[in-house]
N, C-alpha and C. Protein backbone atom coordinates (compact mmCIF):
# COMPACT_ATOMS: atom_id res chain seq x y z
N MET A 1 103.79 112.30 102.20
CA MET A 1 102.49 111.18 101.76
C MET A 1 103.46 110.09 101.80
N ASN A 2 104.66 109.68 101.90
CA ASN A 2 106.02 108.77 101.73
C ASN A 2 105.40 108.20 103.39
N SER A 3 105.52 106.68 103.32
CA SER A 3 104.96 105.96 104.41
C SER A 3 106.48 105.88 105.16
N ALA A 4 106.45 105.20 106.12
CA ALA A 4 107.81 105.00 107.42
C ALA A 4 108.99 105.00 106.75
N ASP A 5 108.54 103.96 105.87
CA ASP A 5 110.26 103.08 105.13
C ASP A 5 109.99 103.69 103.62
N GLY A 6 109.01 104.85 103.77
CA GLY A 6 109.43 105.57 102.32
C GLY A 6 108.94 104.90 101.20
N ALA A 7 108.32 103.29 101.39
CA ALA A 7 108.91 102.55 100.24
C ALA A 7 107.23 101.92 100.48
N ARG A 8 105.58 101.72 100.47
CA ARG A 8 104.93 101.10 100.53
C ARG A 8 104.94 99.74 99.34
N LEU A 9 105.24 100.76 98.39
CA LEU A 9 104.48 99.76 97.03
C LEU A 9 106.23 99.33 96.43
N SER A 10 107.21 99.50 97.28
CA SER A 10 108.23 98.31 96.41
C SER A 10 107.66 96.94 95.84
N GLY A 11 108.24 97.36 95.26
CA GLY A 11 108.06 95.83 94.19
C GLY A 11 106.90 95.41 93.25
N LEU A 12 106.14 96.42 93.14
CA LEU A 12 104.74 97.01 92.56
C LEU A 12 104.94 96.72 91.06
N THR A 13 104.65 96.63 89.93
CA THR A 13 104.89 97.38 89.10
C THR A 13 103.07 97.50 88.41
N VAL A 14 103.16 98.83 87.97
CA VAL A 14 101.66 99.47 87.67
C VAL A 14 101.62 99.94 86.35
N ALA A 15 100.52 99.58 85.59
CA ALA A 15 100.57 100.68 84.35
C ALA A 15 99.35 101.62 84.68
N ILE A 16 99.99 102.55 83.72
CA ILE A 16 99.34 103.27 83.50
C ILE A 16 98.80 103.98 82.12
N LEU A 17 97.69 103.57 81.47
CA LEU A 17 97.02 103.24 80.36
C LEU A 17 96.85 104.44 80.08
N ALA A 18 97.17 105.48 78.77
CA ALA A 18 96.93 106.32 78.30
C ALA A 18 97.24 106.75 76.73
N THR A 19 96.83 107.35 76.15
CA THR A 19 97.06 107.83 74.47
C THR A 19 96.80 109.13 74.57
N ASN A 20 97.01 109.91 72.87
CA ASN A 20 97.21 110.99 72.39
C ASN A 20 95.17 111.36 73.42
N GLY A 21 96.10 112.97 73.82
CA GLY A 21 95.08 114.03 74.03
C GLY A 21 94.69 113.53 75.85
N VAL A 22 95.90 112.81 76.46
CA VAL A 22 95.34 112.67 78.42
C VAL A 22 95.37 113.64 79.09
N GLU A 23 95.37 114.12 80.12
CA GLU A 23 94.99 115.20 80.69
C GLU A 23 96.96 115.50 81.83
N GLU A 24 97.47 116.11 81.23
CA GLU A 24 98.39 116.10 81.54
C GLU A 24 98.90 115.59 82.84
N VAL A 25 98.41 116.48 83.54
CA VAL A 25 98.43 116.54 85.25
C VAL A 25 97.94 115.40 85.65
N GLU A 26 96.58 114.34 85.25
CA GLU A 26 95.95 113.33 85.88
C GLU A 26 97.48 112.22 85.78
N LEU A 27 97.78 112.50 84.48
CA LEU A 27 99.15 111.32 84.62
C LEU A 27 100.04 111.46 84.93
N VAL A 28 100.58 112.38 85.42
CA VAL A 28 102.04 113.04 85.73
C VAL A 28 102.26 112.61 87.99
N GLU A 29 100.85 113.41 87.75
CA GLU A 29 100.74 113.50 89.51
C GLU A 29 100.79 111.92 90.40
N PRO A 30 99.35 111.01 89.81
CA PRO A 30 99.68 109.54 90.14
C PRO A 30 101.15 109.05 90.11
N ARG A 31 101.36 109.08 88.74
CA ARG A 31 103.04 108.28 88.29
C ARG A 31 104.12 108.45 89.21
N LYS A 32 103.83 110.16 89.62
CA LYS A 32 104.82 110.56 90.96
C LYS A 32 104.79 109.96 92.12
N ALA A 33 103.64 110.14 92.39
CA ALA A 33 102.85 109.31 94.07
C ALA A 33 103.44 108.13 94.21
N LEU A 34 103.16 107.35 92.89
CA LEU A 34 103.41 105.81 93.00
C LEU A 34 104.82 105.60 92.87
N GLU A 35 105.66 106.27 92.06
CA GLU A 35 106.86 106.17 92.17
C GLU A 35 107.50 106.34 93.56
N ASP A 36 107.29 107.74 94.02
CA ASP A 36 107.88 108.69 94.99
C ASP A 36 107.10 107.41 96.46
N GLU A 37 106.49 106.36 96.24
CA GLU A 37 105.86 105.23 96.81
C GLU A 37 106.74 103.59 96.34
N GLY A 38 107.60 103.60 95.53
CA GLY A 38 108.38 102.43 94.84
C GLY A 38 107.94 101.31 94.07
N ALA A 39 106.42 101.96 93.55
CA ALA A 39 106.14 101.47 92.53
C ALA A 39 107.21 101.78 91.11
N THR A 40 107.31 100.65 90.46
CA THR A 40 107.80 100.74 88.87
C THR A 40 106.24 101.47 88.58
N VAL A 41 106.31 102.00 87.22
CA VAL A 41 105.49 101.94 87.27
C VAL A 41 105.89 102.71 85.06
N ARG A 42 104.34 101.93 84.39
CA ARG A 42 105.01 101.64 82.84
C ARG A 42 103.46 102.34 81.75
N LEU A 43 103.94 103.25 81.24
CA LEU A 43 102.88 103.68 80.70
C LEU A 43 102.59 102.82 79.45
N VAL A 44 101.17 102.29 79.21
CA VAL A 44 100.93 101.16 78.49
C VAL A 44 99.59 102.47 77.23
N SER A 45 99.73 102.19 75.95
CA SER A 45 99.41 102.50 75.67
C SER A 45 98.98 101.88 73.95
N ILE A 46 98.17 102.64 72.94
CA ILE A 46 97.34 102.04 71.45
C ILE A 46 97.96 102.11 70.64
N GLU A 47 99.25 103.23 71.05
CA GLU A 47 100.16 103.27 69.57
C GLU A 47 101.38 103.60 70.32
N GLN A 48 102.54 103.12 69.62
CA GLN A 48 104.55 103.19 69.89
C GLN A 48 104.52 104.95 69.67
N GLY A 49 106.30 104.92 70.08
CA GLY A 49 106.56 106.16 70.80
C GLY A 49 106.50 106.70 71.92
N GLU A 50 105.60 108.44 71.52
CA GLU A 50 104.94 109.12 72.11
C GLU A 50 104.20 109.50 72.05
N ILE A 51 103.42 110.06 73.81
CA ILE A 51 102.07 109.91 73.70
C ILE A 51 101.64 112.18 73.44
N GLN A 52 101.01 112.52 73.41
CA GLN A 52 100.65 114.18 73.50
C GLN A 52 99.85 114.10 74.85
N ALA A 53 100.60 114.76 75.88
CA ALA A 53 99.13 115.35 76.56
C ALA A 53 98.72 116.67 76.51
N MET A 54 98.00 117.00 76.99
CA MET A 54 96.77 117.97 76.80
C MET A 54 97.29 119.37 78.04
N GLU A 55 96.99 120.21 78.37
CA GLU A 55 96.33 120.70 79.68
C GLU A 55 95.32 121.39 78.71
N LYS A 56 93.79 121.11 80.19
CA LYS A 56 92.70 121.46 80.06
C LYS A 56 92.11 121.03 78.67
N ASP A 57 92.63 119.94 78.21
CA ASP A 57 92.47 119.66 77.07
C ASP A 57 92.03 120.66 75.74
N VAL A 58 92.22 121.27 75.61
CA VAL A 58 93.24 121.93 75.02
C VAL A 58 94.10 122.60 73.81
N ASN A 59 95.57 122.83 75.07
CA ASN A 59 96.65 122.81 75.43
C ASN A 59 97.65 121.93 75.19
N ALA A 60 98.10 122.12 74.25
CA ALA A 60 99.39 121.11 73.67
C ALA A 60 100.25 120.93 75.81
N ALA A 61 100.69 120.12 76.02
CA ALA A 61 101.73 120.04 77.40
C ALA A 61 102.41 118.89 76.56
N GLY A 62 103.20 117.92 77.56
CA GLY A 62 104.78 117.23 77.44
C GLY A 62 104.21 115.69 76.62
N LYS A 63 105.74 115.54 75.95
CA LYS A 63 104.85 114.41 75.27
C LYS A 63 106.04 113.29 76.03
N TYR A 64 105.16 112.10 76.30
CA TYR A 64 105.46 110.97 76.98
C TYR A 64 106.13 109.46 76.19
N THR A 65 107.09 109.15 76.51
CA THR A 65 107.11 107.61 75.79
C THR A 65 106.38 106.54 76.34
N VAL A 66 106.24 106.23 74.93
CA VAL A 66 105.33 104.35 75.78
C VAL A 66 106.32 103.79 75.89
N ASP A 67 105.67 103.24 77.08
CA ASP A 67 106.89 102.32 77.32
C ASP A 67 106.17 100.46 76.99
N HIS A 68 105.36 99.93 76.64
CA HIS A 68 104.04 98.97 76.22
C HIS A 68 103.25 99.18 75.54
N LEU A 69 103.25 98.73 74.44
CA LEU A 69 101.46 98.46 73.80
C LEU A 69 100.25 97.81 73.88
N VAL A 70 99.58 97.75 74.23
CA VAL A 70 98.23 97.22 75.18
C VAL A 70 98.12 95.97 74.45
N SER A 71 98.32 95.59 73.23
CA SER A 71 98.38 94.48 72.21
C SER A 71 99.30 93.79 72.94
N GLU A 72 100.33 94.18 73.72
CA GLU A 72 101.03 92.93 73.67
C GLU A 72 102.03 92.70 75.93
N VAL A 73 100.98 93.22 76.35
CA VAL A 73 100.92 93.30 77.71
C VAL A 73 99.07 92.36 78.29
N SER A 74 99.29 92.09 79.16
CA SER A 74 97.54 92.20 80.00
C SER A 74 97.66 91.96 81.36
N ALA A 75 96.73 92.25 81.83
CA ALA A 75 96.13 92.56 82.97
C ALA A 75 97.22 91.75 84.29
N GLY A 76 97.60 90.65 84.05
CA GLY A 76 98.73 89.73 84.91
C GLY A 76 100.63 90.05 85.16
N ASP A 77 99.98 91.35 84.08
CA ASP A 77 102.13 91.67 83.85
C ASP A 77 102.18 92.80 84.63
N PHE A 78 101.00 93.48 85.33
CA PHE A 78 101.24 94.28 86.18
C PHE A 78 100.13 94.39 87.39
N ASP A 79 100.10 95.08 88.73
CA ASP A 79 99.82 94.72 90.10
C ASP A 79 98.19 95.99 90.28
N GLY A 80 98.52 97.00 89.09
CA GLY A 80 97.42 97.46 89.71
C GLY A 80 97.45 98.56 87.98
N LEU A 81 96.65 99.12 87.71
CA LEU A 81 96.03 100.46 86.74
C LEU A 81 95.50 101.79 86.85
N VAL A 82 96.45 102.09 86.31
CA VAL A 82 95.60 103.74 86.65
C VAL A 82 94.96 104.20 85.06
N LEU A 83 93.57 105.00 84.76
CA LEU A 83 92.70 105.22 83.96
C LEU A 83 93.06 106.85 83.80
N PRO A 84 93.50 108.14 83.72
CA PRO A 84 94.06 109.13 83.66
C PRO A 84 92.39 109.38 82.25
N GLY A 85 92.03 111.17 82.79
CA GLY A 85 91.49 111.29 81.67
C GLY A 85 91.72 112.63 80.66
N GLY A 86 90.95 113.52 80.75
CA GLY A 86 91.20 114.20 79.61
C GLY A 86 89.83 113.59 78.59
N THR A 87 89.49 113.85 78.06
CA THR A 87 87.98 114.09 77.16
C THR A 87 88.58 113.26 76.12
N THR A 88 89.52 112.94 75.44
CA THR A 88 90.05 112.82 73.82
C THR A 88 90.44 111.51 74.09
N ASN A 89 91.28 111.51 74.89
CA ASN A 89 91.82 110.25 75.82
C ASN A 89 91.56 108.71 76.20
N PRO A 90 90.19 108.39 76.48
CA PRO A 90 89.87 107.86 77.23
C PRO A 90 88.48 107.17 75.26
N ASP A 91 88.35 108.81 74.88
CA ASP A 91 86.83 108.33 74.11
C ASP A 91 88.02 107.65 73.04
N GLN A 92 89.28 107.69 73.06
CA GLN A 92 90.26 106.41 71.79
C GLN A 92 90.53 105.66 72.18
N LEU A 93 90.32 105.17 73.84
CA LEU A 93 90.65 104.29 73.87
C LEU A 93 89.98 103.11 74.37
N ARG A 94 88.39 104.03 74.82
CA ARG A 94 87.29 102.63 74.75
C ARG A 94 86.88 102.62 73.18
N GLN A 95 87.18 102.97 72.38
CA GLN A 95 87.40 101.83 70.49
C GLN A 95 88.27 101.42 70.61
N ASP A 96 88.90 101.12 71.60
CA ASP A 96 90.61 100.21 70.74
C ASP A 96 89.56 98.74 72.03
N ASP A 97 89.55 97.17 70.65
CA ASP A 97 89.27 96.69 71.70
C ASP A 97 90.16 95.86 72.44
N LYS A 98 91.53 96.04 72.40
CA LYS A 98 92.79 95.18 72.59
C LYS A 98 92.32 96.81 74.70
N ALA A 99 92.54 97.37 74.22
CA ALA A 99 92.61 98.44 75.28
C ALA A 99 91.42 98.01 76.32
N VAL A 100 90.15 98.08 75.73
CA VAL A 100 88.93 97.29 76.60
C VAL A 100 89.15 96.60 77.59
N SER A 101 89.97 94.91 76.51
CA SER A 101 89.83 94.03 77.41
C SER A 101 90.33 93.52 78.53
N PHE A 102 91.81 94.55 78.08
CA PHE A 102 93.46 95.56 79.46
C PHE A 102 92.03 95.46 80.44
N VAL A 103 91.31 96.51 79.99
CA VAL A 103 90.76 97.38 81.21
C VAL A 103 89.24 96.41 81.98
N ARG A 104 88.83 95.72 81.16
CA ARG A 104 87.76 95.01 81.78
C ARG A 104 88.47 93.15 82.66
N GLU A 105 89.87 93.43 82.29
CA GLU A 105 90.27 91.71 83.12
C GLU A 105 90.94 92.40 84.26
N PHE A 106 91.65 93.41 84.65
CA PHE A 106 92.13 94.29 84.95
C PHE A 106 91.00 94.27 86.22
N VAL A 107 89.97 95.02 85.82
CA VAL A 107 88.60 95.11 86.93
C VAL A 107 88.26 94.08 87.11
N THR A 108 87.89 92.88 86.60
CA THR A 108 87.30 91.04 86.98
C THR A 108 88.19 90.66 88.24
N SER A 109 89.51 91.18 87.38
CA SER A 109 90.64 90.11 88.36
C SER A 109 90.71 90.38 89.84
N GLY A 110 90.16 92.00 89.89
CA GLY A 110 90.23 92.37 91.93
C GLY A 110 91.92 93.19 91.66
N ARG A 111 92.70 93.38 90.50
CA ARG A 111 92.90 93.36 90.74
C ARG A 111 93.08 95.53 91.00
N PRO A 112 94.18 96.57 92.10
CA PRO A 112 93.98 97.66 92.15
C PRO A 112 93.25 98.04 91.09
N VAL A 113 92.57 99.46 90.59
CA VAL A 113 92.21 100.08 89.54
C VAL A 113 92.10 101.67 90.29
N GLY A 114 92.72 102.54 89.76
CA GLY A 114 92.24 103.80 89.84
C GLY A 114 92.19 103.86 88.83
N VAL A 115 90.94 105.39 88.64
CA VAL A 115 90.39 105.89 87.81
C VAL A 115 89.98 107.16 87.98
N ILE A 116 89.71 108.58 86.98
CA ILE A 116 89.48 109.60 87.69
C ILE A 116 89.14 110.68 86.03
N CYS A 117 88.18 111.58 86.40
CA CYS A 117 87.45 112.37 85.51
C CYS A 117 87.03 111.84 84.41
N HIS A 118 87.59 111.84 83.36
CA HIS A 118 86.83 111.46 82.20
C HIS A 118 86.85 109.73 82.22
N GLY A 119 87.80 109.42 82.97
CA GLY A 119 88.80 108.11 82.54
C GLY A 119 87.34 106.83 82.97
N PRO A 120 86.24 107.21 83.17
CA PRO A 120 85.42 106.07 83.34
C PRO A 120 84.76 105.51 82.48
N TRP A 121 85.20 106.34 80.85
CA TRP A 121 84.33 106.34 80.03
C TRP A 121 84.75 104.63 79.44
N THR A 122 86.46 104.43 79.26
CA THR A 122 86.55 102.91 79.20
C THR A 122 86.07 101.89 80.06
N LEU A 123 86.00 102.39 81.55
CA LEU A 123 85.31 101.18 82.48
C LEU A 123 83.87 101.18 81.55
N VAL A 124 82.83 101.65 81.66
CA VAL A 124 82.20 101.49 80.61
C VAL A 124 81.81 100.98 79.45
N GLU A 125 82.75 101.05 78.62
CA GLU A 125 82.45 100.90 77.11
C GLU A 125 83.09 98.45 77.52
N ALA A 126 84.22 98.39 78.92
CA ALA A 126 84.40 97.38 79.37
C ALA A 126 83.54 96.84 80.08
N ASP A 127 81.72 97.30 79.64
CA ASP A 127 81.42 96.91 81.13
C ASP A 127 81.33 96.25 82.39
N VAL A 128 82.11 96.65 83.10
CA VAL A 128 82.42 96.47 84.42
C VAL A 128 82.20 98.08 85.69
N VAL A 129 81.16 98.72 85.29
CA VAL A 129 80.61 99.44 86.26
C VAL A 129 79.38 99.28 86.78
N ARG A 130 78.64 98.19 86.50
CA ARG A 130 77.22 97.79 86.37
C ARG A 130 77.28 97.34 88.75
N ASP A 131 77.28 98.25 89.36
CA ASP A 131 76.50 97.48 90.49
C ASP A 131 77.56 98.38 91.10
N ARG A 132 78.44 98.58 91.02
CA ARG A 132 79.87 99.46 91.63
C ARG A 132 79.49 100.98 91.77
N THR A 133 79.65 101.75 93.04
CA THR A 133 79.78 103.01 93.38
C THR A 133 81.06 103.60 92.35
N LEU A 134 80.73 104.85 91.96
CA LEU A 134 82.39 105.72 91.29
C LEU A 134 81.67 107.03 91.30
N THR A 135 82.77 107.92 91.01
CA THR A 135 82.45 109.07 90.93
C THR A 135 83.05 109.54 89.44
N SER A 136 82.83 110.67 88.91
CA SER A 136 83.98 111.39 87.85
C SER A 136 83.12 112.78 87.34
N TYR A 137 83.94 113.54 85.90
CA TYR A 137 83.42 114.18 85.55
C TYR A 137 82.17 114.25 85.56
N PRO A 138 81.51 115.22 86.03
CA PRO A 138 79.79 115.25 85.35
C PRO A 138 79.63 114.62 84.70
N SER A 139 80.49 115.58 83.34
CA SER A 139 79.35 114.68 82.16
C SER A 139 79.52 112.89 81.86
N VAL A 140 79.81 112.60 82.65
CA VAL A 140 80.80 111.27 82.48
C VAL A 140 78.77 110.77 83.08
N ARG A 141 79.21 111.52 84.11
CA ARG A 141 77.92 110.30 84.85
C ARG A 141 76.78 109.83 84.40
N THR A 142 76.29 110.53 84.10
CA THR A 142 75.16 110.06 82.84
C THR A 142 75.23 108.63 82.08
N ASP A 143 76.53 108.59 81.53
CA ASP A 143 76.94 107.25 80.95
C ASP A 143 76.40 106.53 82.04
N ILE A 144 77.54 106.91 82.76
CA ILE A 144 78.12 105.51 83.90
C ILE A 144 76.60 104.46 84.45
N ARG A 145 75.45 105.90 84.56
CA ARG A 145 74.50 105.30 85.72
C ARG A 145 73.67 104.71 84.06
N ASN A 146 73.57 105.04 82.94
CA ASN A 146 73.45 103.93 82.44
C ASN A 146 73.85 102.46 82.03
N ALA A 147 74.65 102.51 82.30
CA ALA A 147 75.89 101.56 82.37
C ALA A 147 75.11 100.44 83.50
N GLY A 148 74.21 100.34 84.33
CA GLY A 148 74.03 100.60 85.44
C GLY A 148 75.21 100.64 87.17
N GLY A 149 75.75 101.40 86.87
CA GLY A 149 76.70 102.19 88.72
C GLY A 149 76.05 103.43 88.94
N ASN A 150 75.84 103.62 89.90
CA ASN A 150 75.78 104.23 91.11
C ASN A 150 77.17 105.30 90.58
N VAL A 151 75.84 106.45 90.65
CA VAL A 151 77.22 107.96 90.83
C VAL A 151 76.94 108.25 91.97
N VAL A 152 78.49 108.78 92.82
CA VAL A 152 77.96 110.34 93.85
C VAL A 152 78.68 111.10 93.59
N ASP A 153 78.47 112.61 93.97
CA ASP A 153 79.58 113.90 93.84
C ASP A 153 80.26 113.37 94.86
N GLN A 154 81.59 113.01 94.85
CA GLN A 154 82.79 113.46 96.34
C GLN A 154 84.18 113.19 95.21
N GLU A 155 85.02 113.52 96.43
CA GLU A 155 86.24 113.63 96.00
C GLU A 155 87.59 112.28 95.47
N VAL A 156 86.95 110.78 96.23
CA VAL A 156 87.61 110.28 95.36
C VAL A 156 86.23 109.30 96.57
N VAL A 157 86.12 108.21 95.07
CA VAL A 157 85.43 106.96 96.21
C VAL A 157 86.19 106.18 96.03
N VAL A 158 86.31 105.10 96.98
CA VAL A 158 86.43 103.44 97.06
C VAL A 158 85.64 102.07 96.60
N ASP A 159 85.64 101.45 95.39
CA ASP A 159 84.89 100.90 95.58
C ASP A 159 85.04 99.13 95.87
N ARG A 160 85.40 98.52 96.73
CA ARG A 160 86.36 97.07 96.34
C ARG A 160 87.74 97.34 95.75
N ASN A 161 88.23 97.37 94.07
CA ASN A 161 88.89 97.33 94.11
C ASN A 161 89.26 98.37 93.22
N LEU A 162 88.67 99.41 93.35
CA LEU A 162 88.49 100.50 92.60
C LEU A 162 88.16 102.16 93.49
N VAL A 163 89.07 102.63 93.01
CA VAL A 163 88.91 104.25 93.14
C VAL A 163 88.75 104.79 91.96
N SER A 164 87.84 105.83 92.43
CA SER A 164 87.82 107.18 91.36
C SER A 164 87.44 108.38 92.27
N SER A 165 87.53 109.22 91.10
CA SER A 165 87.98 111.27 91.30
C SER A 165 87.46 111.35 90.26
N ARG A 166 86.77 112.89 90.20
CA ARG A 166 86.39 113.73 89.18
C ARG A 166 86.78 114.49 88.79
N ASN A 167 87.78 114.43 89.09
CA ASN A 167 88.57 116.31 88.47
C ASN A 167 90.11 116.30 89.04
N PRO A 168 90.65 117.50 88.02
CA PRO A 168 92.39 117.19 88.39
C PRO A 168 92.59 117.95 89.74
N GLY A 169 91.65 118.78 90.54
CA GLY A 169 91.06 119.31 91.57
C GLY A 169 91.25 118.51 93.01
N ASP A 170 90.62 117.30 92.55
CA ASP A 170 90.35 115.82 93.59
C ASP A 170 92.49 115.11 93.52
N LEU A 171 93.48 115.70 93.18
CA LEU A 171 94.48 114.50 92.70
C LEU A 171 94.75 114.82 93.97
N PRO A 172 95.23 115.64 94.87
CA PRO A 172 95.58 114.78 96.31
C PRO A 172 94.96 113.50 96.96
N ALA A 173 93.82 113.74 97.10
CA ALA A 173 92.54 112.97 97.96
C ALA A 173 93.18 111.55 96.92
N PHE A 174 92.86 112.26 95.46
CA PHE A 174 92.94 110.89 94.82
C PHE A 174 94.41 110.12 94.34
N CYS A 175 95.29 110.28 94.38
CA CYS A 175 96.39 109.72 94.72
C CYS A 175 96.69 109.01 96.52
N LYS A 176 96.33 109.72 97.25
CA LYS A 176 96.41 108.94 98.80
C LYS A 176 95.33 107.53 98.64
N ALA A 177 94.50 107.60 98.27
CA ALA A 177 93.44 106.62 98.04
C ALA A 177 94.57 105.74 96.80
N LEU A 178 94.29 105.98 95.93
CA LEU A 178 95.06 105.25 95.48
C LEU A 178 96.35 104.29 95.56
N ILE A 179 97.55 104.87 96.76
CA ILE A 179 98.56 104.10 97.59
C ILE A 179 97.99 103.53 98.45
N ASP A 180 96.70 103.68 99.06
CA ASP A 180 96.01 103.02 100.34
C ASP A 180 96.03 101.60 99.44
N LEU A 181 94.62 102.15 98.49
CA LEU A 181 94.31 100.86 97.54
C LEU A 181 95.37 99.94 97.65
N PHE A 182 96.54 100.42 96.81
CA PHE A 182 97.21 99.65 95.93
C PHE A 182 98.50 98.67 96.73
N ALA A 183 98.06 99.79 98.32
CA ALA A 183 99.08 98.99 99.15
C ALA A 183 98.65 97.62 99.59
N ALA A 184 97.50 97.88 99.95
CA ALA A 184 96.63 97.02 100.83
C ALA A 184 96.07 95.54 99.48
N ASN A 185 95.98 95.98 98.24
CA ASN A 185 95.67 94.96 97.57
C ASN A 185 96.38 95.05 96.51
N PRO A 186 97.91 93.74 97.06
CA PRO A 186 98.71 93.69 96.44
C PRO A 186 98.05 92.55 95.17
N ALA A 187 98.17 92.64 93.86
CA ALA A 187 97.94 91.46 93.07
C ALA A 187 99.35 90.54 92.96
N SER A 188 100.21 90.42 93.46
CA SER A 188 100.84 89.57 93.55
C SER A 188 101.51 88.49 94.41
């Protein structure tokens, strides 16, 4: 996946917004892909300390140290954003006003955003899917449609500054599209 110079994203800082219940593989694989390309990745959350990741939503997995509280940062502090899924992670994020504002600010600023699985719930809450085409986990698709978005069932979808995928099985394509989008649209 590395480019000829091995660091297509060198100098970029990317936020991953997640909280307890995040699907571990959807946090870990994009983070590794971004770091392998030279990006600095920071975990942003709604609470300090560590977050508990899950495997398949029900099995406790690793714990990850939070770098920044969402209430203490803004989209302008980062060059890109990743919204991993799991069901409880985005459900908690969409109930937090600061998290929703952070996501809205990212999308409306034109900065690149990657979202996978149930992650679009936070986009729906931020009211930023209207007239956008994206994909998601099947159970989120009605919510996206009801919020004015166009849903397709594809491995990966890129619509302007937004790249989306359906589930962990799509991670290889998602990570590649994420790297390509972030490299083509540096916010700095």
